[in-house]
């Protein structure tokens, strides 16, 4: 369970790595393999022109593509040092738009991510896949800022989670789902902070926790409910501070906290994703 949680965190790091990829081809290393009169040429203004390529020290190709007046045009291919396609970037002539596809390392070389750069920034819909080819995430960007509805999926294709961003901040509905499609969590963000009603459900649809957040702090009445529908405990908060607590079922693990940002005791939702 914890391993899967770490995997999902690693994948969010991967999004940032993909987003930081520079899609201007690097200068040639002037490897002996590329010294001839038909490739890696400059025009009279000193700009790269025509077909360019380069190789790693092990003689495997590093990248290949075409230039026009010093600007990349058409499809560029990038490769891993050990071989295998790393990325394909399609440059649209006359525009600062690049259609990008990144690939996983390994024998299958499946797609890892695909989307579009505008002015060198992620823009619009990006899709991310695990190394089995399963769609994991559909994320929207506005010039590198998270913007729009972000969705995460189970390997089965069932929706796992969706959260809405507004120019880099979480805003509006946040929901998580069980693999059977039942809502697991329902909450709301405002300016990147949890605010308003917060409800968690059992897999059968019955309520587990019913509470309220104020700027990421538990607030007002929180009710914890057993599988059979009986109330286990009620806690009243005032902006994160407990002002009243009533326990109705003895033996309850009273230390189990509700979900807070960065503190998720229910990370098993990510089981089966990878």
Protein backbone atom coordinates (compact mmCIF):
# COMPACT_ATOMS: atom_id res chain seq x y z
CA UNK A 1 0.00 0.00 0.00
CA UNK A 2 2.77 2.42 0.99
CA UNK A 3 4.76 1.45 -2.11
CA UNK A 4 1.84 2.38 -4.32
CA UNK A 5 1.52 5.72 -2.55
CA UNK A 6 5.20 6.41 -3.20
CA UNK A 7 4.69 5.47 -6.84
CA UNK A 8 1.93 8.02 -7.29
CA UNK A 9 4.14 10.67 -5.68
CA UNK A 10 6.96 9.71 -8.05
CA UNK A 11 4.62 10.06 -10.97
CA UNK A 12 3.76 13.62 -9.95
CA UNK A 13 7.51 14.28 -9.94
CA UNK A 14 7.62 12.74 -13.41
CA UNK A 15 5.06 15.30 -14.61
CA UNK A 16 7.41 18.04 -13.53
CA UNK A 17 10.36 16.32 -15.21
CA UNK A 18 8.45 16.04 -18.47
CA UNK A 19 7.41 19.64 -18.15
CA UNK A 20 11.03 20.73 -17.72
CA UNK A 21 12.26 18.96 -20.87
CA UNK A 22 13.86 21.39 -23.31
CA UNK A 23 12.74 20.71 -26.84
CA UNK A 24 15.39 22.74 -28.65
CA UNK A 25 17.96 20.24 -29.95
CA UNK A 26 21.33 20.53 -28.20
CA UNK A 27 24.40 21.62 -30.12
CA UNK A 28 26.12 18.75 -31.89
CA UNK A 29 28.97 17.03 -30.10
CA UNK A 30 30.81 16.85 -33.44
CA UNK A 31 31.16 13.11 -33.17
CA UNK A 32 33.09 11.53 -36.06
CA UNK A 33 29.92 9.80 -37.23
CA UNK A 34 28.35 13.13 -38.27
CA UNK A 35 31.19 14.78 -40.18
CA UNK A 36 30.14 14.95 -43.83
CA UNK A 37 28.90 17.51 -46.37
CA UNK A 38 25.19 16.64 -46.36
CA UNK A 39 24.19 16.84 -42.68
CA UNK A 40 24.83 19.19 -39.76
CA UNK A 41 25.23 22.19 -42.05
CA UNK A 42 24.96 25.96 -41.51
CA UNK A 43 23.57 28.56 -43.90
CA UNK A 44 25.31 31.80 -44.87
CA UNK A 45 24.01 33.46 -41.69
CA UNK A 46 25.52 30.81 -39.45
CA UNK A 47 22.16 29.19 -38.64
CA UNK A 48 21.63 25.44 -38.59
CA UNK A 49 19.88 24.22 -41.70
CA UNK A 50 18.73 20.91 -43.17
CA UNK A 51 19.08 17.55 -41.47
CA UNK A 52 20.98 17.41 -38.18
CA UNK A 53 21.88 14.49 -35.98
CA UNK A 54 24.28 13.51 -33.21
CA UNK A 55 25.48 10.37 -31.48
CA UNK A 56 26.35 9.26 -27.97
CA UNK A 57 29.87 8.02 -27.25
CA UNK A 58 28.63 4.45 -27.72
CA UNK A 59 27.64 5.34 -31.33
CA UNK A 60 23.91 5.14 -30.61
CA UNK A 61 21.92 8.07 -32.06
CA UNK A 62 21.22 10.95 -29.69
CA UNK A 63 18.72 12.97 -31.75
CA UNK A 64 17.78 13.71 -35.35
CA UNK A 65 15.66 16.33 -37.08
CA UNK A 66 15.56 19.22 -39.54
CA UNK A 67 16.23 22.95 -39.21
CA UNK A 68 15.19 25.94 -41.26
CA UNK A 69 17.00 29.23 -40.64
CA UNK A 70 18.16 27.99 -37.26
CA UNK A 71 14.71 26.87 -36.09
CA UNK A 72 13.64 23.24 -35.69
CA UNK A 73 10.85 22.19 -38.06
CA UNK A 74 8.82 19.02 -38.40
CA UNK A 75 9.51 15.93 -36.31
CA UNK A 76 12.54 15.58 -34.05
CA UNK A 77 13.40 12.26 -32.47
CA UNK A 78 15.38 11.85 -29.24
CA UNK A 79 16.85 8.55 -28.05
CA UNK A 80 18.07 6.94 -24.83
CA UNK A 81 21.85 6.30 -24.64
CA UNK A 82 21.25 2.55 -24.57
CA UNK A 83 18.87 2.77 -27.53
CA UNK A 84 15.15 3.17 -27.85
CA UNK A 85 13.00 6.19 -28.60
CA UNK A 86 12.90 8.75 -25.78
CA UNK A 87 10.73 11.49 -27.29
CA UNK A 88 9.16 12.75 -30.50
CA UNK A 89 8.62 16.48 -30.82
CA UNK A 90 6.74 17.86 -33.80
CA UNK A 91 7.51 21.55 -34.42
CA UNK A 92 4.93 23.52 -36.37
CA UNK A 93 6.66 25.82 -38.85
CA UNK A 94 6.15 29.50 -38.07
CA UNK A 95 4.57 28.86 -34.67
CA UNK A 96 5.83 28.42 -31.12
CA UNK A 97 3.83 25.19 -30.86
CA UNK A 98 5.29 21.72 -30.32
CA UNK A 99 3.35 18.47 -30.14
CA UNK A 100 5.29 16.22 -27.73
CA UNK A 101 5.30 12.51 -27.00
CA UNK A 102 7.60 11.01 -24.36
CA UNK A 103 8.30 7.28 -24.00
CA UNK A 104 9.19 4.90 -21.17
CA UNK A 105 12.56 3.23 -21.13
CA UNK A 106 12.61 -0.46 -21.88
CA UNK A 107 11.71 -3.11 -24.38
CA UNK A 108 8.09 -2.07 -24.85
CA UNK A 109 8.94 1.65 -25.23
CA UNK A 110 5.32 2.54 -24.45
CA UNK A 111 4.11 6.13 -24.38
CA UNK A 112 4.77 7.89 -21.05
CA UNK A 113 3.23 11.30 -21.75
CA UNK A 114 1.76 13.27 -24.61
CA UNK A 115 0.65 16.86 -24.94
CA UNK A 116 1.47 20.24 -26.40
CA UNK A 117 3.93 23.03 -25.64
CA UNK A 118 3.12 26.61 -26.56
CA UNK A 119 5.92 29.13 -26.11
CA UNK A 120 7.94 26.36 -24.44
CA UNK A 121 5.28 25.79 -21.77
CA UNK A 122 2.80 22.95 -21.26
CA UNK A 123 -0.57 24.07 -22.53
CA UNK A 124 -3.92 22.32 -22.88
CA UNK A 125 -4.52 18.61 -22.29
CA UNK A 126 -1.65 16.32 -21.28
CA UNK A 127 -2.09 12.59 -20.83
CA UNK A 128 0.22 10.36 -18.74
CA UNK A 129 0.57 6.57 -18.94
CA UNK A 130 2.27 3.89 -16.86
CA UNK A 131 4.80 1.57 -18.49
CA UNK A 132 2.06 -0.96 -19.26
CA UNK A 133 0.28 1.56 -21.46
CA UNK A 134 -2.60 2.24 -19.05
CA UNK A 135 -3.86 5.82 -18.94
CA UNK A 136 -3.10 7.17 -15.46
CA UNK A 137 -3.80 10.89 -15.62
CA UNK A 138 -5.45 13.54 -17.77
CA UNK A 139 -4.24 16.98 -16.76
CA UNK A 140 -4.89 20.44 -18.16
CA UNK A 141 -2.37 23.28 -18.16
CA UNK A 142 -2.38 26.97 -19.00
CA UNK A 143 1.17 27.94 -19.94
CA UNK A 144 2.69 25.58 -17.34
CA UNK A 145 0.12 26.36 -14.64
CA UNK A 146 -2.31 23.67 -13.52
CA UNK A 147 -5.66 24.80 -14.87
CA UNK A 148 -8.86 22.84 -15.36
CA UNK A 149 -10.03 19.41 -14.19
CA UNK A 150 -7.26 16.91 -13.39
CA UNK A 151 -8.25 13.25 -13.44
CA UNK A 152 -6.48 10.13 -12.16
CA UNK A 153 -7.53 6.62 -13.21
CA UNK A 154 -7.22 3.06 -11.96
CA UNK A 155 -5.54 0.60 -14.33
CA UNK A 156 -9.02 -0.66 -15.21
CA UNK A 157 -9.85 2.76 -16.62
CA UNK A 158 -12.24 3.59 -13.80
CA UNK A 159 -11.98 7.16 -12.53
CA UNK A 160 -10.06 7.32 -9.24
CA UNK A 161 -9.86 11.01 -8.48
CA UNK A 162 -10.69 14.41 -9.95
CA UNK A 163 -9.76 17.84 -8.71
CA UNK A 164 -10.15 21.26 -10.31
CA UNK A 165 -7.38 23.85 -10.65
CA UNK A 166 -7.72 27.52 -11.42
CA UNK A 167 -4.48 29.10 -12.63
CA UNK A 168 -2.27 26.97 -10.39
CA UNK A 169 -4.54 26.73 -7.34
CA UNK A 170 -7.02 24.04 -6.40
CA UNK A 171 -10.51 25.48 -6.57
CA UNK A 172 -13.91 23.81 -6.51
CA UNK A 173 -14.85 20.14 -6.33
CA UNK A 174 -12.48 17.39 -5.21
CA UNK A 175 -13.67 13.78 -5.42
CA UNK A 176 -12.19 10.32 -5.00
CA UNK A 177 -13.81 7.05 -6.11
CA UNK A 178 -13.61 3.35 -5.31
CA UNK A 179 -12.91 0.93 -8.14
CA UNK A 180 -16.62 0.08 -8.28
CA UNK A 181 -17.40 3.72 -9.12
CA UNK A 182 -18.82 4.60 -5.70
CA UNK A 183 -17.76 8.02 -4.36
CA UNK A 184 -15.14 7.66 -1.65
CA UNK A 185 -14.55 11.31 -0.79
CA UNK A 186 -16.30 14.58 -1.59
CA UNK A 187 -14.86 17.98 -0.67
CA UNK A 188 -14.15 21.47 -2.00
CA UNK A 189 -11.12 23.70 -2.38
CA UNK A 190 -10.94 27.47 -2.44
CA UNK A 191 -7.62 29.19 -3.19
CA UNK A 192 -5.75 25.90 -2.67
CA UNK A 193 -7.28 25.34 0.78
CA UNK A 194 -9.94 22.87 1.86
CA UNK A 195 -13.11 24.78 2.69
CA UNK A 196 -16.68 23.68 3.27
CA UNK A 197 -18.32 20.25 3.51
CA UNK A 198 -16.08 17.19 3.70
CA UNK A 199 -17.60 13.71 3.42
CA UNK A 200 -16.07 10.24 3.20
CA UNK A 201 -18.02 7.10 2.29
CA UNK A 202 -17.69 3.36 2.69
CA UNK A 203 -17.58 1.28 -0.47
CA UNK A 204 -21.27 0.43 -0.07
CA UNK A 205 -22.18 4.13 -0.23
CA UNK A 206 -22.83 4.70 3.47
CA UNK A 207 -21.21 7.70 5.12
CA UNK A 208 -17.98 7.17 7.07
CA UNK A 209 -17.07 10.76 8.04
CA UNK A 210 -19.13 13.92 7.76
CA UNK A 211 -17.40 17.18 8.61
CA UNK A 212 -16.38 20.66 7.59
CA UNK A 213 -13.12 22.45 6.80
CA UNK A 214 -12.14 26.08 7.21
CA UNK A 215 -8.88 26.98 5.45
CA UNK A 216 -7.48 23.43 5.82
CA UNK A 217 -8.54 23.23 9.49
CA UNK A 218 -11.27 20.99 10.88
CA UNK A 219 -14.15 23.20 11.84
CA UNK A 220 -17.62 22.78 13.33
CA UNK A 221 -19.18 19.33 13.91
CA UNK A 222 -17.43 16.15 12.67
CA UNK A 223 -19.36 12.88 12.81
CA UNK A 224 -17.64 9.48 12.49
CA UNK A 225 -19.95 6.62 11.53
CA UNK A 226 -19.50 2.84 11.70
CA UNK A 227 -20.18 0.43 8.83
CA UNK A 228 -23.56 -0.43 10.34
CA UNK A 229 -24.64 3.21 10.42
CA UNK A 230 -24.12 3.75 14.15
CA UNK A 231 -22.43 6.96 15.22
CA UNK A 232 -18.98 6.19 16.65
CA UNK A 233 -18.04 9.67 17.81
CA UNK A 234 -18.77 13.35 17.34
CA UNK A 235 -16.08 16.00 17.59
CA UNK A 236 -16.70 19.73 17.49
CA UNK A 237 -13.81 21.88 16.26
CA UNK A 238 -13.14 25.60 16.25
CA UNK A 239 -10.65 26.23 13.44
CA UNK A 240 -8.63 23.09 14.15
CA UNK A 241 -9.00 23.07 17.93
CA UNK A 242 -11.17 20.44 19.62
CA UNK A 243 -13.84 22.12 21.78
CA UNK A 244 -16.03 19.07 22.45
CA UNK A 245 -15.73 15.32 21.93
CA UNK A 246 -18.26 12.56 22.50
CA UNK A 247 -17.39 8.88 21.97
CA UNK A 248 -20.33 6.52 21.66
CA UNK A 249 -18.59 3.22 20.81
CA UNK A 250 -15.80 2.12 23.18
CA UNK A 251 -12.61 0.75 21.68
CA UNK A 252 -12.65 3.14 18.75
CA UNK A 253 -9.23 4.18 17.50
CA UNK A 254 -9.62 7.83 18.42
CA UNK A 255 -6.19 8.71 17.01
CA UNK A 256 -7.19 8.09 13.41
CA UNK A 257 -7.29 11.54 11.79
CA UNK A 258 -9.47 12.64 8.93
CA UNK A 259 -7.74 13.29 5.62
CA UNK A 260 -5.77 16.49 5.58
CA UNK A 261 -3.51 17.80 2.80
CA UNK A 262 -0.20 15.97 3.08
CA UNK A 263 -1.55 13.50 5.65
CA UNK A 264 -3.43 10.71 3.94
CA UNK A 265 -4.02 7.55 6.02
CA UNK A 266 -6.17 6.13 3.22
CA UNK A 267 -3.47 5.89 0.55
CA UNK A 268 -4.70 2.40 -0.38
CA UNK A 269 -6.91 4.14 -2.90
CA UNK A 270 -3.84 4.00 -5.12
CA UNK A 271 -3.62 0.20 -4.93
CA UNK A 272 -3.95 -1.34 -8.38
CA UNK A 273 -2.87 1.76 -10.23
CA UNK A 274 0.59 0.57 -11.21
